[in-house]
Protein backbone atom coordinates (compact mmCIF):
# COMPACT_ATOMS: atom_id res chain seq x y z
CA UNK A 1 173.03 312.52 71.49
CA UNK A 2 174.82 313.60 74.68
CA UNK A 3 174.72 317.21 75.84
CA UNK A 4 177.10 319.16 78.07
CA UNK A 5 176.13 322.49 79.63
CA UNK A 6 178.73 324.90 81.04
CA UNK A 7 177.63 328.16 82.70
CA UNK A 8 180.19 330.93 82.34
CA UNK A 9 180.41 334.44 83.73
CA UNK A 10 183.69 336.16 82.77
CA UNK A 11 185.68 332.92 82.55
CA UNK A 12 188.27 333.78 79.89
CA UNK A 13 191.11 332.63 82.16
CA UNK A 14 189.72 329.14 82.79
CA UNK A 15 187.44 328.22 79.90
CA UNK A 16 190.11 327.09 77.44
CA UNK A 17 191.36 324.33 79.75
CA UNK A 18 187.76 323.35 80.51
CA UNK A 19 186.85 323.00 76.83
CA UNK A 20 190.04 321.10 76.02
CA UNK A 21 189.13 318.54 78.69
CA UNK A 22 185.48 318.34 77.59
CA UNK A 23 186.57 317.74 73.99
CA UNK A 24 188.69 314.77 75.10
CA UNK A 25 185.72 313.38 77.02
CA UNK A 26 183.38 313.95 74.06
CA UNK A 27 185.59 311.88 71.76
CA UNK A 28 186.27 309.01 74.14
CA UNK A 29 186.22 305.62 72.35
CA UNK A 30 183.69 304.17 74.80
CA UNK A 31 181.07 306.58 73.49
CA UNK A 32 181.25 304.69 70.20
CA UNK A 33 180.91 307.84 68.14
CA UNK A 34 177.67 309.05 69.72
CA UNK A 35 177.29 312.76 68.86
CA UNK A 36 178.06 315.26 71.60
CA UNK A 37 176.85 318.85 71.75
CA UNK A 38 178.39 321.31 74.22
CA UNK A 39 176.65 324.53 75.18
CA UNK A 40 178.57 327.30 76.95
CA UNK A 41 176.06 329.67 78.50
CA UNK A 42 177.61 333.14 78.41
CA UNK A 43 175.89 334.80 81.35
CA UNK A 44 176.44 338.57 81.40
CA UNK A 45 180.01 338.22 80.16
CA UNK A 46 181.94 341.43 79.44
CA UNK A 47 185.38 339.89 78.91
CA UNK A 48 186.80 337.51 76.31
CA UNK A 49 184.84 334.40 77.32
CA UNK A 50 182.81 334.42 74.10
CA UNK A 51 185.97 334.70 72.03
CA UNK A 52 187.36 331.59 73.75
CA UNK A 53 184.26 329.65 72.69
CA UNK A 54 184.65 330.81 69.10
CA UNK A 55 188.33 329.82 69.11
CA UNK A 56 187.40 326.26 70.09
CA UNK A 57 184.45 325.76 67.73
CA UNK A 58 186.63 324.62 64.82
CA UNK A 59 188.44 322.03 66.95
CA UNK A 60 185.11 320.63 68.14
CA UNK A 61 183.74 320.50 64.60
CA UNK A 62 186.84 318.72 63.29
CA UNK A 63 186.40 316.12 66.04
CA UNK A 64 182.77 315.54 65.03
CA UNK A 65 181.31 317.47 67.96
CA UNK A 66 179.35 320.68 68.22
CA UNK A 67 180.13 323.67 70.44
CA UNK A 68 177.44 326.32 70.86
CA UNK A 69 177.46 329.65 72.69
CA UNK A 70 174.24 330.82 74.28
CA UNK A 71 174.06 334.38 75.63
CA UNK A 72 171.87 335.35 78.57
CA UNK A 73 171.94 338.23 81.07
CA UNK A 74 170.68 336.61 84.27
CA UNK A 75 173.95 336.69 86.27
CA UNK A 76 172.59 333.66 88.08
CA UNK A 77 173.97 330.15 87.88
CA UNK A 78 170.58 328.43 88.23
CA UNK A 79 169.19 330.31 85.25
CA UNK A 80 172.38 329.65 83.27
CA UNK A 81 172.29 325.89 83.86
CA UNK A 82 168.57 325.81 83.06
CA UNK A 83 169.10 327.73 79.81
CA UNK A 84 171.88 325.34 78.81
CA UNK A 85 169.72 322.33 79.57
CA UNK A 86 166.83 323.66 77.48
CA UNK A 87 169.20 324.34 74.57
CA UNK A 88 170.49 320.77 74.73
CA UNK A 89 167.03 319.25 75.03
CA UNK A 90 165.92 321.25 71.97
CA UNK A 91 168.87 319.66 70.15
CA UNK A 92 167.47 316.25 71.17
CA UNK A 93 170.15 315.32 73.70
CA UNK A 94 169.15 312.19 75.62
CA UNK A 95 171.67 312.77 78.43
CA UNK A 96 172.58 316.08 80.07
CA UNK A 97 175.98 316.50 81.70
CA UNK A 98 176.87 319.58 83.71
CA UNK A 99 180.21 321.02 84.71
CA UNK A 100 181.74 324.43 85.41
CA UNK A 101 184.07 326.67 83.43
CA UNK A 102 186.78 326.41 86.12
CA UNK A 103 186.67 322.61 86.08
CA UNK A 104 188.56 320.03 84.03
CA UNK A 105 186.75 316.75 83.45
CA UNK A 106 188.54 313.45 82.94
CA UNK A 107 188.67 311.75 79.51
CA UNK A 108 186.25 309.06 80.79
CA UNK A 109 183.83 311.56 82.35
CA UNK A 110 180.97 311.22 79.87
CA UNK A 111 181.58 307.55 79.11
CA UNK A 112 181.30 306.66 82.79
CA UNK A 113 178.16 308.73 83.31
CA UNK A 114 176.19 307.10 80.52
CA UNK A 115 177.23 303.54 81.40
CA UNK A 116 176.38 303.54 85.11
CA UNK A 117 172.78 302.54 84.40
CA UNK A 118 171.21 305.37 86.41
CA UNK A 119 168.91 308.30 85.68
CA UNK A 120 171.13 310.62 87.71
CA UNK A 121 174.88 310.52 88.32
CA UNK A 122 176.23 312.65 91.16
CA UNK A 123 180.01 312.78 90.94
CA UNK A 124 182.60 313.98 93.40
CA UNK A 125 185.25 316.65 92.85
CA UNK A 126 188.99 316.87 93.44
CA UNK A 127 191.32 319.85 93.69
CA UNK A 128 194.87 319.58 92.36
CA UNK A 129 196.01 323.16 93.01
CA UNK A 130 195.48 324.75 96.41
CA UNK A 131 198.04 327.53 95.81
CA UNK A 132 195.47 330.37 95.56
CA UNK A 133 195.07 330.01 99.33
CA UNK A 134 198.78 330.80 99.88
CA UNK A 135 199.85 330.07 103.45
CA UNK A 136 196.54 328.30 104.18
CA UNK A 137 196.94 325.90 101.24
CA UNK A 138 198.42 322.97 103.14
CA UNK A 139 195.95 323.25 106.02
CA UNK A 140 193.04 323.45 103.58
CA UNK A 141 194.34 320.45 101.62
CA UNK A 142 194.53 318.43 104.84
CA UNK A 143 191.07 319.57 105.95
CA UNK A 144 189.59 318.57 102.60
CA UNK A 145 191.26 315.15 102.75
CA UNK A 146 189.83 314.55 106.24
CA UNK A 147 186.28 315.76 105.68
CA UNK A 148 185.44 315.14 102.01
CA UNK A 149 184.25 311.67 100.93
CA UNK A 150 185.72 311.13 97.47
CA UNK A 151 184.48 307.55 97.12
CA UNK A 152 181.62 305.43 95.85
CA UNK A 153 178.25 306.01 97.53
CA UNK A 154 179.22 309.50 98.68
CA UNK A 155 176.41 312.02 99.12
CA UNK A 156 178.05 315.16 97.71
CA UNK A 157 176.20 317.26 95.15
CA UNK A 158 178.15 319.39 92.68
CA UNK A 159 176.97 321.23 89.59
CA UNK A 160 180.54 320.76 88.36
CA UNK A 161 180.03 316.99 88.15
CA UNK A 162 176.43 316.06 87.51
CA UNK A 163 174.68 314.01 84.85
CA UNK A 164 170.98 313.33 84.33
CA UNK A 165 168.78 311.64 81.76
CA UNK A 166 166.91 314.33 79.81
CA UNK A 167 163.54 312.70 80.50
CA UNK A 168 164.22 312.54 84.24
CA UNK A 169 165.41 316.15 84.22
CA UNK A 170 162.20 317.32 82.59
CA UNK A 171 160.03 315.21 84.90
CA UNK A 172 161.69 316.83 87.94
CA UNK A 173 161.09 320.35 86.63
CA UNK A 174 164.68 321.28 85.82
CA UNK A 175 167.00 323.75 87.51
CA UNK A 176 165.47 326.50 89.61
CA UNK A 177 166.32 330.13 88.84
CA UNK A 178 168.38 330.69 91.99
CA UNK A 179 171.79 332.19 92.72
CA UNK A 180 173.19 329.06 94.39
CA UNK A 181 172.28 325.50 95.43
CA UNK A 182 170.43 324.96 92.15
CA UNK A 183 172.17 321.58 91.94
CA UNK A 184 170.94 320.55 95.40
CA UNK A 185 167.38 321.62 94.60
CA UNK A 186 167.40 319.64 91.36
CA UNK A 187 168.74 316.51 93.05
CA UNK A 188 166.07 316.74 95.74
CA UNK A 189 163.38 317.06 93.07
CA UNK A 190 164.84 314.09 91.20
CA UNK A 191 164.78 312.02 94.40
CA UNK A 192 161.11 312.89 94.92
CA UNK A 193 160.35 311.93 91.32
CA UNK A 194 161.71 308.41 91.88
CA UNK A 195 164.77 308.73 89.65
CA UNK A 196 167.50 306.07 89.95
CA UNK A 197 170.74 307.47 91.37
CA UNK A 198 174.42 306.64 91.15
CA UNK A 199 176.55 308.45 93.75
CA UNK A 200 179.89 307.75 92.17
CA UNK A 201 183.51 308.89 92.25
CA UNK A 202 184.18 307.25 88.87
CA UNK A 203 183.35 310.27 86.65
CA UNK A 204 186.39 312.30 87.73
CA UNK A 205 186.76 316.09 87.63
CA UNK A 206 189.30 318.58 88.98
CA UNK A 207 187.83 321.88 90.05
CA UNK A 208 189.33 325.20 91.06
CA UNK A 209 190.18 326.40 94.56
CA UNK A 210 190.27 330.00 93.35
CA UNK A 211 189.44 332.87 95.67
CA UNK A 212 187.15 334.79 93.28
CA UNK A 213 184.27 332.30 93.20
CA UNK A 214 181.56 333.14 90.66
CA UNK A 215 178.57 331.61 92.48
CA UNK A 216 178.08 333.04 95.95
CA UNK A 217 177.39 330.25 98.43
CA UNK A 218 178.91 327.55 96.22
CA UNK A 219 182.03 325.39 96.49
CA UNK A 220 184.44 328.32 96.34
CA UNK A 221 182.70 330.17 99.15
CA UNK A 222 182.66 326.99 101.22
CA UNK A 223 186.45 326.81 100.94
CA UNK A 224 186.76 330.48 101.90
CA UNK A 225 184.57 329.90 104.96
CA UNK A 226 186.89 327.10 106.06
CA UNK A 227 189.96 329.32 105.70
CA UNK A 228 188.23 332.04 107.74
CA UNK A 229 187.62 329.51 110.51
CA UNK A 230 191.31 328.65 110.44
CA UNK A 231 192.13 332.28 111.17
CA UNK A 232 190.01 332.41 114.34
CA UNK A 233 192.28 331.97 117.40
CA UNK A 234 191.42 329.15 119.78
CA UNK A 235 190.10 330.26 123.19
CA UNK A 236 190.64 328.44 126.46
């Protein structure tokens, strides 16, 4: 069985598109019908995020997949990812895939992860809509194209595009209960444990460039920091 964990804090605006994409990936022919369980971790949600999960449960069931909602009150992405992972391991998932509620995975996302022959798959991310950054959008797009290595053997680490063998995950101690960089800490622990890595751009995802990032210090805040630097006038 393959498991997918998605942390979510007030994600009613994005989660539907995320789940639609995950469902396509979960039913990809290359998985040869292997069961897929998806766990959305509802972390201190007070909007309609839970209702979105319930709306999609029938579609997942009809496709032969399972969609679970797990409620916690940590308001912390590390704890949310860890809770999702434990839920999937308890369901006997052999492979754990992680993404975010504001991210759309490609149809081949899971199929690529499980066929790369690694214990850990660190994927890259792409952004297809920079419009939230208004007049800075084009500059930010150009900056990202210059500085981000969306290619094989990159060294980027994203919780929005990460896969790990359940046994390797447990051996490394799992996600830490931290507010950000839980993905980096896990990867470092996996490296120390001797896990086999694939740093690949093949498992594709598109993530959000939104301004109201949920995890402080994460990808969204990194983009905001870049835009702030663009606003600083050059001195001579």
